[in-house]
Structures are given as structure tokens and as C-alpha cells.
Amino acid sequence: MPLRLSLDHRHTLLIGLCCMPPTRVVESGSNDEEARAQAHAWLDDVSLPPGATDAAPNAAALNSYTGWPCGPVAELEAFWLVPDATLRETAEWIDANPAGDLMSVWGEHRPESMNYDGMMLGFIPEVGAQEGIVYTLTTAPNGILVRAEVAAQTSDASCPELPEGELYGPPGMG
């Protein structure tokens, strides 16, 4: 429920703290208690535009997923629908309201145009991290479907070594 703050008799400010936590959270990966608690903390802090509601995973076709190269990780997946919204509005909201002190991987690579049918936005706890949240946004008949893929590494997580000169891309950017 958005918080309404009356500025005067003609103006009301809506502070859009999104929706109730999703009721359909898919859990997978490690059952490590600390990693699972971190993943839930990030998911519980997700803020979406006013009016966003819990959505079924099949509310729109999503033909991608995030492969977390380092692990083990505790993974969560949740879905919302932002009714009567545009991709640009939803992406800008998510970018301006990161969950759990996570930072956007867009940085200076933020798209100039967001006239797409879908996109991915990644958020990480620190530069170079291979955990956090990747949002997939796609247009649906009645708004924008948002999927959050959350991964938190266990304390003994490691990353496979890459050949010299190669790097892992930030989550959500390949």
C-alpha cells in the first residue's frame, strides 16, 4: 500500500513502497541458513512502483534465467505485476529504489533508450560480486511483469577459475 502524505488541500504525495511481499516465492539452491537469510532480506526489501501486485510465474513468457557462476548460493524467485506501467517507468523505479543497499550494475552503462519489450537489471552488494538480485522485466497485456531472481552466496562459495584475461560479467549483464 502506498503511503499518502497530504501536502495541502489540493496535492497529495504518494510514497510508493510496493506491495506486500510475494506469496509465491520459489526457493532453490543451498539450504545454508545464513545465505538463505540474506536472500530473504534482499527480497523482503524490494520496492516496486505503487500498485504492484503478486503475480503468478506464468503471467508472461520469460525465456531467460540468471546463471550464477559462483556458488553454492541460496536462490529465491518471485514475481509481480505492475499494472498500467511502461517498461521505462518500472525500470527507472527499480533503478532508483535498490533493495538492501545493493548497487545497480548499470553504472555508466545505463541504456539511453528503454523502448524494448523486456530487459534485465542487476544489483549487487559490491563491485565484482556474483550475488544479489537480477530483475527481468517484460511487457504483459495489462502492465509489466517483474521477476526477481535472488542469489546469496554461502560462506564457502567460490568461483571457477577463468582463462587469463577473461572476467565474469556482472549479474544481469552477461
N, C-alpha and C. Protein backbone atom coordinates (compact mmCIF):
# COMPACT_ATOMS: atom_id res chain seq x y z
N MET A 1 0.84 -1.18 0.00
CA MET A 1 0.00 0.00 0.00
C MET A 1 0.88 1.24 0.00
N PRO A 2 0.71 2.17 -0.92
CA PRO A 2 1.48 3.39 -0.88
C PRO A 2 1.06 4.25 0.31
N LEU A 3 2.01 4.98 0.82
CA LEU A 3 1.76 5.91 1.91
C LEU A 3 1.34 7.24 1.29
N ARG A 4 0.22 7.81 1.76
CA ARG A 4 -0.26 9.09 1.25
C ARG A 4 0.09 10.19 2.24
N LEU A 5 0.72 11.22 1.71
CA LEU A 5 1.10 12.36 2.52
C LEU A 5 0.46 13.59 1.90
N SER A 6 -0.49 14.20 2.60
CA SER A 6 -1.16 15.40 2.08
C SER A 6 -0.27 16.61 2.25
N LEU A 7 0.02 17.27 1.13
CA LEU A 7 0.84 18.46 1.15
C LEU A 7 0.00 19.70 1.41
N ASP A 8 -1.17 19.76 0.84
CA ASP A 8 -2.15 20.80 1.09
C ASP A 8 -3.49 20.26 0.60
N HIS A 9 -4.50 21.09 0.56
CA HIS A 9 -5.83 20.57 0.21
C HIS A 9 -5.95 20.10 -1.24
N ARG A 10 -4.97 20.44 -2.10
CA ARG A 10 -5.06 20.03 -3.50
C ARG A 10 -4.00 19.00 -3.90
N HIS A 11 -2.97 18.80 -3.12
CA HIS A 11 -1.87 17.95 -3.53
C HIS A 11 -1.61 16.84 -2.52
N THR A 12 -1.44 15.65 -3.05
CA THR A 12 -1.11 14.50 -2.22
C THR A 12 0.11 13.83 -2.82
N LEU A 13 1.07 13.51 -2.00
CA LEU A 13 2.27 12.81 -2.43
C LEU A 13 2.10 11.34 -2.10
N LEU A 14 2.29 10.49 -3.11
CA LEU A 14 2.25 9.05 -2.90
C LEU A 14 3.67 8.55 -2.75
N ILE A 15 3.96 7.94 -1.64
CA ILE A 15 5.26 7.32 -1.46
C ILE A 15 5.04 5.85 -1.71
N GLY A 16 5.56 5.37 -2.82
CA GLY A 16 5.22 4.05 -3.31
C GLY A 16 6.05 2.93 -2.75
N LEU A 17 5.87 2.59 -1.55
CA LEU A 17 6.51 1.40 -1.02
C LEU A 17 5.66 0.23 -1.47
N CYS A 18 6.21 -0.54 -2.33
CA CYS A 18 5.43 -1.55 -3.04
C CYS A 18 4.88 -2.61 -2.14
N CYS A 19 3.83 -2.97 -2.60
CA CYS A 19 3.18 -4.25 -2.41
C CYS A 19 3.60 -5.03 -1.17
N MET A 20 2.79 -5.99 -0.92
CA MET A 20 3.09 -6.92 0.15
C MET A 20 4.14 -7.89 -0.39
N PRO A 21 4.91 -8.51 0.49
CA PRO A 21 5.89 -9.49 -0.01
C PRO A 21 5.18 -10.55 -0.85
N PRO A 22 5.86 -11.06 -1.85
CA PRO A 22 5.22 -12.05 -2.72
C PRO A 22 4.84 -13.29 -1.92
N THR A 23 3.71 -13.87 -2.29
CA THR A 23 3.27 -15.07 -1.60
C THR A 23 3.81 -16.33 -2.27
N ARG A 24 4.24 -16.20 -3.53
CA ARG A 24 4.75 -17.35 -4.26
C ARG A 24 6.25 -17.19 -4.49
N VAL A 25 7.03 -17.56 -3.52
CA VAL A 25 8.48 -17.48 -3.63
C VAL A 25 9.01 -18.89 -3.88
N VAL A 26 9.76 -19.04 -4.94
CA VAL A 26 10.37 -20.32 -5.27
C VAL A 26 11.77 -20.33 -4.67
N GLU A 27 12.04 -21.32 -3.83
CA GLU A 27 13.35 -21.46 -3.20
C GLU A 27 14.10 -22.60 -3.87
N SER A 28 15.39 -22.39 -4.10
CA SER A 28 16.23 -23.45 -4.66
C SER A 28 17.66 -23.21 -4.22
N GLY A 29 18.55 -24.09 -4.64
CA GLY A 29 19.95 -23.94 -4.28
C GLY A 29 20.24 -24.39 -2.87
N SER A 30 21.25 -23.78 -2.28
CA SER A 30 21.73 -24.17 -0.96
C SER A 30 20.70 -23.89 0.13
N ASN A 31 20.70 -24.73 1.14
CA ASN A 31 19.87 -24.51 2.32
C ASN A 31 20.66 -23.87 3.46
N ASP A 32 21.85 -23.35 3.15
CA ASP A 32 22.67 -22.68 4.15
C ASP A 32 21.85 -21.57 4.81
N GLU A 33 21.74 -21.61 6.14
CA GLU A 33 20.86 -20.68 6.86
C GLU A 33 21.25 -19.22 6.65
N GLU A 34 22.54 -18.90 6.71
CA GLU A 34 22.97 -17.51 6.54
C GLU A 34 22.70 -17.01 5.13
N ALA A 35 23.03 -17.83 4.14
CA ALA A 35 22.79 -17.43 2.76
C ALA A 35 21.29 -17.28 2.49
N ARG A 36 20.50 -18.22 2.98
CA ARG A 36 19.05 -18.14 2.77
C ARG A 36 18.49 -16.89 3.45
N ALA A 37 18.97 -16.58 4.67
CA ALA A 37 18.51 -15.38 5.38
C ALA A 37 18.88 -14.12 4.60
N GLN A 38 20.09 -14.08 4.01
CA GLN A 38 20.49 -12.91 3.22
C GLN A 38 19.61 -12.76 1.99
N ALA A 39 19.35 -13.86 1.31
CA ALA A 39 18.49 -13.81 0.12
C ALA A 39 17.10 -13.30 0.49
N HIS A 40 16.54 -13.79 1.58
CA HIS A 40 15.22 -13.32 2.02
C HIS A 40 15.26 -11.85 2.42
N ALA A 41 16.34 -11.40 3.05
CA ALA A 41 16.45 -9.99 3.44
C ALA A 41 16.43 -9.10 2.20
N TRP A 42 17.17 -9.49 1.16
CA TRP A 42 17.15 -8.69 -0.08
C TRP A 42 15.77 -8.71 -0.70
N LEU A 43 15.15 -9.88 -0.77
CA LEU A 43 13.82 -9.98 -1.38
C LEU A 43 12.79 -9.18 -0.58
N ASP A 44 12.86 -9.25 0.74
CA ASP A 44 11.90 -8.52 1.58
C ASP A 44 12.03 -7.01 1.43
N ASP A 45 13.18 -6.53 0.95
CA ASP A 45 13.42 -5.09 0.82
C ASP A 45 13.13 -4.57 -0.59
N VAL A 46 12.65 -5.43 -1.49
CA VAL A 46 12.33 -5.00 -2.85
C VAL A 46 11.23 -3.94 -2.80
N SER A 47 11.43 -2.87 -3.56
CA SER A 47 10.44 -1.80 -3.68
C SER A 47 10.08 -1.66 -5.15
N LEU A 48 8.78 -1.74 -5.42
CA LEU A 48 8.29 -1.60 -6.79
C LEU A 48 7.30 -0.45 -6.84
N PRO A 49 6.97 0.01 -8.05
CA PRO A 49 6.04 1.14 -8.16
C PRO A 49 4.70 0.85 -7.47
N PRO A 50 4.02 1.92 -7.04
CA PRO A 50 2.70 1.75 -6.41
C PRO A 50 1.77 0.93 -7.30
N GLY A 51 1.00 0.08 -6.66
CA GLY A 51 0.03 -0.74 -7.38
C GLY A 51 0.54 -2.11 -7.76
N ALA A 52 1.84 -2.35 -7.60
CA ALA A 52 2.39 -3.67 -7.96
C ALA A 52 1.74 -4.74 -7.09
N THR A 53 1.44 -5.86 -7.71
CA THR A 53 0.80 -6.97 -7.01
C THR A 53 1.56 -8.26 -7.28
N ASP A 54 1.42 -9.19 -6.37
CA ASP A 54 1.98 -10.52 -6.52
C ASP A 54 1.45 -11.12 -7.83
N ALA A 55 2.30 -11.81 -8.57
CA ALA A 55 1.87 -12.40 -9.85
C ALA A 55 2.29 -13.86 -9.91
N ALA A 56 1.60 -14.59 -10.72
CA ALA A 56 1.94 -16.00 -10.96
C ALA A 56 3.14 -16.06 -11.90
N PRO A 57 3.99 -17.05 -11.72
CA PRO A 57 5.16 -17.18 -12.59
C PRO A 57 4.80 -17.29 -14.08
N ASN A 58 3.63 -17.75 -14.40
CA ASN A 58 3.24 -17.90 -15.81
C ASN A 58 2.44 -16.71 -16.34
N ALA A 59 2.50 -15.56 -15.66
CA ALA A 59 1.75 -14.38 -16.10
C ALA A 59 2.25 -13.85 -17.44
N ALA A 60 3.47 -14.15 -17.81
CA ALA A 60 4.03 -13.76 -19.11
C ALA A 60 5.16 -14.72 -19.42
N ALA A 61 5.51 -14.82 -20.69
CA ALA A 61 6.59 -15.72 -21.10
C ALA A 61 7.94 -15.09 -20.80
N LEU A 62 8.75 -15.80 -20.03
CA LEU A 62 10.12 -15.36 -19.75
C LEU A 62 11.05 -16.43 -20.31
N ASN A 63 11.86 -16.03 -21.27
CA ASN A 63 12.70 -17.01 -21.96
C ASN A 63 14.16 -16.93 -21.55
N SER A 64 14.41 -16.44 -20.35
CA SER A 64 15.78 -16.35 -19.88
C SER A 64 15.82 -16.67 -18.39
N TYR A 65 17.00 -16.87 -17.90
CA TYR A 65 17.20 -17.06 -16.47
C TYR A 65 18.62 -16.61 -16.14
N THR A 66 18.88 -16.39 -14.88
CA THR A 66 20.21 -15.98 -14.46
C THR A 66 20.98 -17.22 -14.00
N GLY A 67 22.15 -17.41 -14.59
CA GLY A 67 23.04 -18.47 -14.16
C GLY A 67 24.09 -17.85 -13.24
N TRP A 68 24.06 -18.21 -11.98
CA TRP A 68 25.02 -17.67 -11.01
C TRP A 68 26.27 -18.53 -11.09
N PRO A 69 27.39 -18.00 -11.59
CA PRO A 69 28.57 -18.84 -11.84
C PRO A 69 29.31 -19.27 -10.58
N CYS A 70 29.15 -18.54 -9.50
CA CYS A 70 29.88 -18.85 -8.26
C CYS A 70 28.89 -19.45 -7.26
N GLY A 71 29.38 -20.35 -6.47
CA GLY A 71 28.46 -20.97 -5.53
C GLY A 71 29.18 -21.83 -4.53
N PRO A 72 28.40 -22.44 -3.69
CA PRO A 72 26.95 -22.55 -3.73
C PRO A 72 26.24 -21.25 -3.34
N VAL A 73 24.99 -21.12 -3.81
CA VAL A 73 24.14 -19.98 -3.48
C VAL A 73 22.76 -20.46 -3.06
N ALA A 74 22.13 -19.68 -2.20
CA ALA A 74 20.71 -19.86 -1.88
C ALA A 74 19.96 -18.98 -2.87
N GLU A 75 18.97 -19.54 -3.55
CA GLU A 75 18.26 -18.79 -4.59
C GLU A 75 16.78 -18.65 -4.25
N LEU A 76 16.24 -17.49 -4.59
CA LEU A 76 14.81 -17.21 -4.48
C LEU A 76 14.34 -16.62 -5.79
N GLU A 77 13.08 -16.84 -6.11
CA GLU A 77 12.49 -16.26 -7.32
C GLU A 77 11.07 -15.82 -6.97
N ALA A 78 10.73 -14.58 -7.35
CA ALA A 78 9.40 -14.05 -7.07
C ALA A 78 8.95 -13.20 -8.25
N PHE A 79 7.62 -13.02 -8.35
CA PHE A 79 7.03 -12.33 -9.50
C PHE A 79 6.00 -11.30 -9.05
N TRP A 80 5.95 -10.18 -9.76
CA TRP A 80 4.94 -9.14 -9.53
C TRP A 80 4.44 -8.63 -10.87
N LEU A 81 3.27 -8.03 -10.84
CA LEU A 81 2.75 -7.32 -11.99
C LEU A 81 2.59 -5.86 -11.59
N VAL A 82 3.14 -4.97 -12.42
CA VAL A 82 2.97 -3.53 -12.22
C VAL A 82 1.94 -3.10 -13.27
N PRO A 83 0.67 -2.92 -12.86
CA PRO A 83 -0.38 -2.66 -13.83
C PRO A 83 -0.26 -1.28 -14.46
N ASP A 84 -0.66 -1.21 -15.72
CA ASP A 84 -0.73 0.06 -16.46
C ASP A 84 0.58 0.84 -16.41
N ALA A 85 1.70 0.14 -16.41
CA ALA A 85 3.00 0.80 -16.35
C ALA A 85 3.75 0.56 -17.66
N THR A 86 4.77 1.36 -17.88
CA THR A 86 5.65 1.16 -19.02
C THR A 86 6.94 0.52 -18.54
N LEU A 87 7.67 -0.04 -19.48
CA LEU A 87 8.95 -0.63 -19.15
C LEU A 87 9.88 0.44 -18.58
N ARG A 88 9.92 1.61 -19.20
CA ARG A 88 10.78 2.70 -18.75
C ARG A 88 10.45 3.10 -17.31
N GLU A 89 9.18 3.31 -17.02
CA GLU A 89 8.78 3.72 -15.66
C GLU A 89 9.20 2.68 -14.63
N THR A 90 8.97 1.43 -14.94
CA THR A 90 9.27 0.37 -13.99
C THR A 90 10.77 0.23 -13.80
N ALA A 91 11.54 0.25 -14.90
CA ALA A 91 12.99 0.13 -14.81
C ALA A 91 13.59 1.30 -14.03
N GLU A 92 13.12 2.50 -14.31
CA GLU A 92 13.65 3.67 -13.60
C GLU A 92 13.31 3.62 -12.11
N TRP A 93 12.12 3.11 -11.78
CA TRP A 93 11.73 2.98 -10.36
C TRP A 93 12.67 2.01 -9.65
N ILE A 94 12.86 0.84 -10.25
CA ILE A 94 13.72 -0.16 -9.64
C ILE A 94 15.15 0.37 -9.50
N ASP A 95 15.63 1.04 -10.54
CA ASP A 95 16.99 1.58 -10.51
C ASP A 95 17.15 2.63 -9.41
N ALA A 96 16.11 3.42 -9.17
CA ALA A 96 16.17 4.49 -8.16
C ALA A 96 15.88 3.99 -6.75
N ASN A 97 15.37 2.77 -6.61
CA ASN A 97 14.99 2.23 -5.30
C ASN A 97 15.59 0.84 -5.09
N PRO A 98 16.92 0.75 -5.04
CA PRO A 98 17.53 -0.58 -4.90
C PRO A 98 17.22 -1.23 -3.55
N ALA A 99 17.09 -2.52 -3.58
CA ALA A 99 16.82 -3.29 -2.36
C ALA A 99 18.11 -3.49 -1.57
N GLY A 100 17.99 -3.51 -0.26
CA GLY A 100 19.04 -3.96 0.64
C GLY A 100 20.42 -3.38 0.43
N ASP A 101 20.53 -2.11 0.15
CA ASP A 101 21.84 -1.47 -0.06
C ASP A 101 22.61 -2.07 -1.23
N LEU A 102 21.90 -2.67 -2.17
CA LEU A 102 22.55 -3.19 -3.37
C LEU A 102 22.76 -2.04 -4.36
N MET A 103 23.74 -2.20 -5.23
CA MET A 103 24.02 -1.17 -6.24
C MET A 103 23.75 -1.72 -7.63
N SER A 104 23.28 -0.82 -8.49
CA SER A 104 22.97 -1.19 -9.86
C SER A 104 24.25 -1.51 -10.62
N VAL A 105 24.21 -2.53 -11.46
CA VAL A 105 25.35 -2.85 -12.30
C VAL A 105 25.37 -1.97 -13.56
N TRP A 106 24.29 -1.21 -13.78
CA TRP A 106 24.26 -0.32 -14.95
C TRP A 106 25.39 0.69 -14.90
N GLY A 107 25.57 1.34 -13.74
CA GLY A 107 26.59 2.38 -13.64
C GLY A 107 26.50 3.33 -14.81
N GLU A 108 27.61 3.58 -15.46
CA GLU A 108 27.62 4.49 -16.61
C GLU A 108 27.10 3.82 -17.88
N HIS A 109 26.75 2.55 -17.80
CA HIS A 109 26.25 1.82 -18.97
C HIS A 109 24.73 1.80 -19.04
N ARG A 110 24.08 2.71 -18.34
CA ARG A 110 22.62 2.77 -18.33
C ARG A 110 22.11 3.00 -19.76
N PRO A 111 21.13 2.23 -20.19
CA PRO A 111 20.61 2.40 -21.56
C PRO A 111 20.01 3.79 -21.76
N GLU A 112 20.30 4.39 -22.91
CA GLU A 112 19.72 5.69 -23.21
C GLU A 112 18.25 5.55 -23.59
N SER A 113 17.93 4.47 -24.27
CA SER A 113 16.56 4.23 -24.68
C SER A 113 16.06 2.97 -23.98
N MET A 114 14.82 3.00 -23.55
CA MET A 114 14.24 1.80 -22.95
C MET A 114 12.97 1.42 -23.70
N ASN A 115 13.01 1.56 -25.01
CA ASN A 115 11.86 1.21 -25.83
C ASN A 115 11.98 -0.25 -26.27
N TYR A 116 11.91 -1.13 -25.30
CA TYR A 116 12.03 -2.56 -25.54
C TYR A 116 10.80 -3.27 -25.02
N ASP A 117 10.70 -4.56 -25.35
CA ASP A 117 9.64 -5.40 -24.79
C ASP A 117 10.05 -5.99 -23.45
N GLY A 118 11.36 -5.98 -23.17
CA GLY A 118 11.84 -6.53 -21.93
C GLY A 118 13.29 -6.14 -21.68
N MET A 119 13.72 -6.31 -20.46
CA MET A 119 15.11 -6.01 -20.11
C MET A 119 15.45 -6.64 -18.77
N MET A 120 16.75 -6.64 -18.48
CA MET A 120 17.24 -7.16 -17.20
C MET A 120 18.00 -6.06 -16.48
N LEU A 121 17.86 -6.03 -15.16
CA LEU A 121 18.59 -5.08 -14.33
C LEU A 121 19.25 -5.87 -13.20
N GLY A 122 20.54 -5.71 -13.03
CA GLY A 122 21.25 -6.42 -11.98
C GLY A 122 21.64 -5.50 -10.84
N PHE A 123 21.62 -6.04 -9.63
CA PHE A 123 22.00 -5.30 -8.42
C PHE A 123 22.88 -6.21 -7.58
N ILE A 124 24.01 -5.67 -7.11
CA ILE A 124 24.99 -6.45 -6.36
C ILE A 124 25.41 -5.70 -5.10
N PRO A 125 25.95 -6.43 -4.10
CA PRO A 125 26.36 -5.77 -2.86
C PRO A 125 27.67 -5.00 -2.98
N GLU A 126 28.52 -5.38 -3.93
CA GLU A 126 29.79 -4.68 -4.13
C GLU A 126 30.30 -4.98 -5.54
N VAL A 127 31.17 -4.13 -6.03
CA VAL A 127 31.72 -4.30 -7.37
C VAL A 127 32.40 -5.67 -7.47
N GLY A 128 32.07 -6.38 -8.53
CA GLY A 128 32.65 -7.69 -8.77
C GLY A 128 31.89 -8.85 -8.17
N ALA A 129 30.87 -8.57 -7.37
CA ALA A 129 30.10 -9.63 -6.72
C ALA A 129 29.32 -10.45 -7.73
N GLN A 130 29.14 -11.72 -7.43
CA GLN A 130 28.33 -12.62 -8.24
C GLN A 130 27.14 -13.12 -7.42
N GLU A 131 26.51 -12.21 -6.72
CA GLU A 131 25.30 -12.47 -5.94
C GLU A 131 24.52 -11.17 -5.90
N GLY A 132 23.25 -11.25 -5.53
CA GLY A 132 22.39 -10.07 -5.46
C GLY A 132 21.04 -10.38 -6.07
N ILE A 133 20.51 -9.40 -6.81
CA ILE A 133 19.19 -9.57 -7.45
C ILE A 133 19.31 -9.22 -8.92
N VAL A 134 18.73 -10.06 -9.76
CA VAL A 134 18.55 -9.74 -11.17
C VAL A 134 17.05 -9.68 -11.42
N TYR A 135 16.59 -8.51 -11.86
CA TYR A 135 15.19 -8.33 -12.23
C TYR A 135 15.06 -8.53 -13.73
N THR A 136 14.05 -9.29 -14.13
CA THR A 136 13.69 -9.40 -15.53
C THR A 136 12.34 -8.71 -15.68
N LEU A 137 12.28 -7.74 -16.58
CA LEU A 137 11.04 -7.00 -16.84
C LEU A 137 10.57 -7.35 -18.24
N THR A 138 9.30 -7.63 -18.37
CA THR A 138 8.75 -7.91 -19.68
C THR A 138 7.34 -7.33 -19.76
N THR A 139 6.99 -6.92 -20.97
CA THR A 139 5.65 -6.37 -21.15
C THR A 139 4.62 -7.49 -21.11
N ALA A 140 3.51 -7.20 -20.50
CA ALA A 140 2.38 -8.13 -20.41
C ALA A 140 1.15 -7.35 -20.88
N PRO A 141 0.06 -8.03 -21.20
CA PRO A 141 -1.12 -7.32 -21.71
C PRO A 141 -1.63 -6.21 -20.79
N ASN A 142 -1.44 -6.34 -19.48
CA ASN A 142 -2.00 -5.35 -18.57
C ASN A 142 -0.95 -4.63 -17.73
N GLY A 143 0.30 -4.62 -18.21
CA GLY A 143 1.34 -3.91 -17.49
C GLY A 143 2.71 -4.52 -17.71
N ILE A 144 3.52 -4.47 -16.67
CA ILE A 144 4.88 -5.00 -16.73
C ILE A 144 5.02 -6.12 -15.71
N LEU A 145 5.46 -7.29 -16.17
CA LEU A 145 5.75 -8.39 -15.27
C LEU A 145 7.19 -8.24 -14.80
N VAL A 146 7.39 -8.36 -13.49
CA VAL A 146 8.72 -8.26 -12.90
C VAL A 146 9.05 -9.59 -12.22
N ARG A 147 10.19 -10.15 -12.61
CA ARG A 147 10.69 -11.35 -11.93
C ARG A 147 11.96 -10.93 -11.20
N ALA A 148 12.08 -11.31 -9.94
CA ALA A 148 13.31 -11.09 -9.18
C ALA A 148 13.96 -12.45 -8.96
N GLU A 149 15.19 -12.59 -9.44
CA GLU A 149 16.00 -13.77 -9.16
C GLU A 149 17.05 -13.33 -8.15
N VAL A 150 17.00 -13.91 -6.97
CA VAL A 150 17.86 -13.50 -5.87
C VAL A 150 18.82 -14.64 -5.57
N ALA A 151 20.09 -14.30 -5.39
CA ALA A 151 21.07 -15.32 -5.02
C ALA A 151 22.00 -14.74 -3.96
N ALA A 152 22.21 -15.50 -2.89
CA ALA A 152 23.16 -15.13 -1.84
C ALA A 152 24.14 -16.28 -1.67
N GLN A 153 25.42 -15.96 -1.72
CA GLN A 153 26.44 -16.98 -1.62
C GLN A 153 26.60 -17.48 -0.19
N THR A 154 26.97 -18.75 -0.09
CA THR A 154 27.31 -19.31 1.22
C THR A 154 28.71 -18.83 1.60
N SER A 155 29.08 -19.00 2.85
CA SER A 155 30.40 -18.53 3.31
C SER A 155 31.54 -19.28 2.63
N ASP A 156 31.28 -20.46 2.11
CA ASP A 156 32.34 -21.22 1.43
C ASP A 156 32.20 -21.19 -0.09
N ALA A 157 31.47 -20.23 -0.62
CA ALA A 157 31.28 -20.12 -2.06
C ALA A 157 32.60 -19.80 -2.76
N SER A 158 32.71 -20.29 -3.97
CA SER A 158 33.89 -19.99 -4.78
C SER A 158 33.46 -19.87 -6.24
N CYS A 159 34.34 -19.28 -7.03
CA CYS A 159 34.07 -19.10 -8.45
C CYS A 159 35.05 -19.94 -9.26
N PRO A 160 34.59 -20.62 -10.28
CA PRO A 160 35.51 -21.36 -11.14
C PRO A 160 36.52 -20.39 -11.76
N GLU A 161 37.74 -20.85 -11.86
CA GLU A 161 38.78 -20.01 -12.47
C GLU A 161 38.50 -19.87 -13.96
N LEU A 162 38.75 -18.68 -14.45
CA LEU A 162 38.59 -18.39 -15.87
C LEU A 162 39.96 -18.30 -16.53
N PRO A 163 40.01 -18.51 -17.83
CA PRO A 163 41.29 -18.33 -18.53
C PRO A 163 41.79 -16.89 -18.35
N GLU A 164 43.08 -16.74 -18.41
CA GLU A 164 43.69 -15.42 -18.22
C GLU A 164 43.08 -14.40 -19.18
N GLY A 165 42.75 -13.24 -18.63
CA GLY A 165 42.19 -12.15 -19.42
C GLY A 165 40.67 -12.16 -19.49
N GLU A 166 40.04 -13.21 -19.00
CA GLU A 166 38.58 -13.27 -19.02
C GLU A 166 38.02 -12.91 -17.65
N LEU A 167 36.84 -12.30 -17.65
CA LEU A 167 36.17 -11.89 -16.42
C LEU A 167 34.72 -12.34 -16.45
N TYR A 168 34.14 -12.49 -15.26
CA TYR A 168 32.70 -12.71 -15.18
C TYR A 168 32.00 -11.39 -15.40
N GLY A 169 30.93 -11.41 -16.17
CA GLY A 169 30.13 -10.21 -16.34
C GLY A 169 29.28 -10.00 -15.10
N PRO A 170 28.89 -8.76 -14.85
CA PRO A 170 28.01 -8.50 -13.70
C PRO A 170 26.67 -9.22 -13.87
N PRO A 171 26.07 -9.67 -12.79
CA PRO A 171 24.75 -10.29 -12.89
C PRO A 171 23.76 -9.38 -13.61
N GLY A 172 23.03 -9.95 -14.55
CA GLY A 172 22.07 -9.18 -15.32
C GLY A 172 22.63 -8.54 -16.56
N MET A 173 23.95 -8.65 -16.76
CA MET A 173 24.56 -8.06 -17.95
C MET A 173 25.35 -9.08 -18.76
N GLY A 174 25.37 -10.32 -18.34
CA GLY A 174 26.07 -11.35 -19.10
C GLY A 174 27.49 -11.56 -18.68
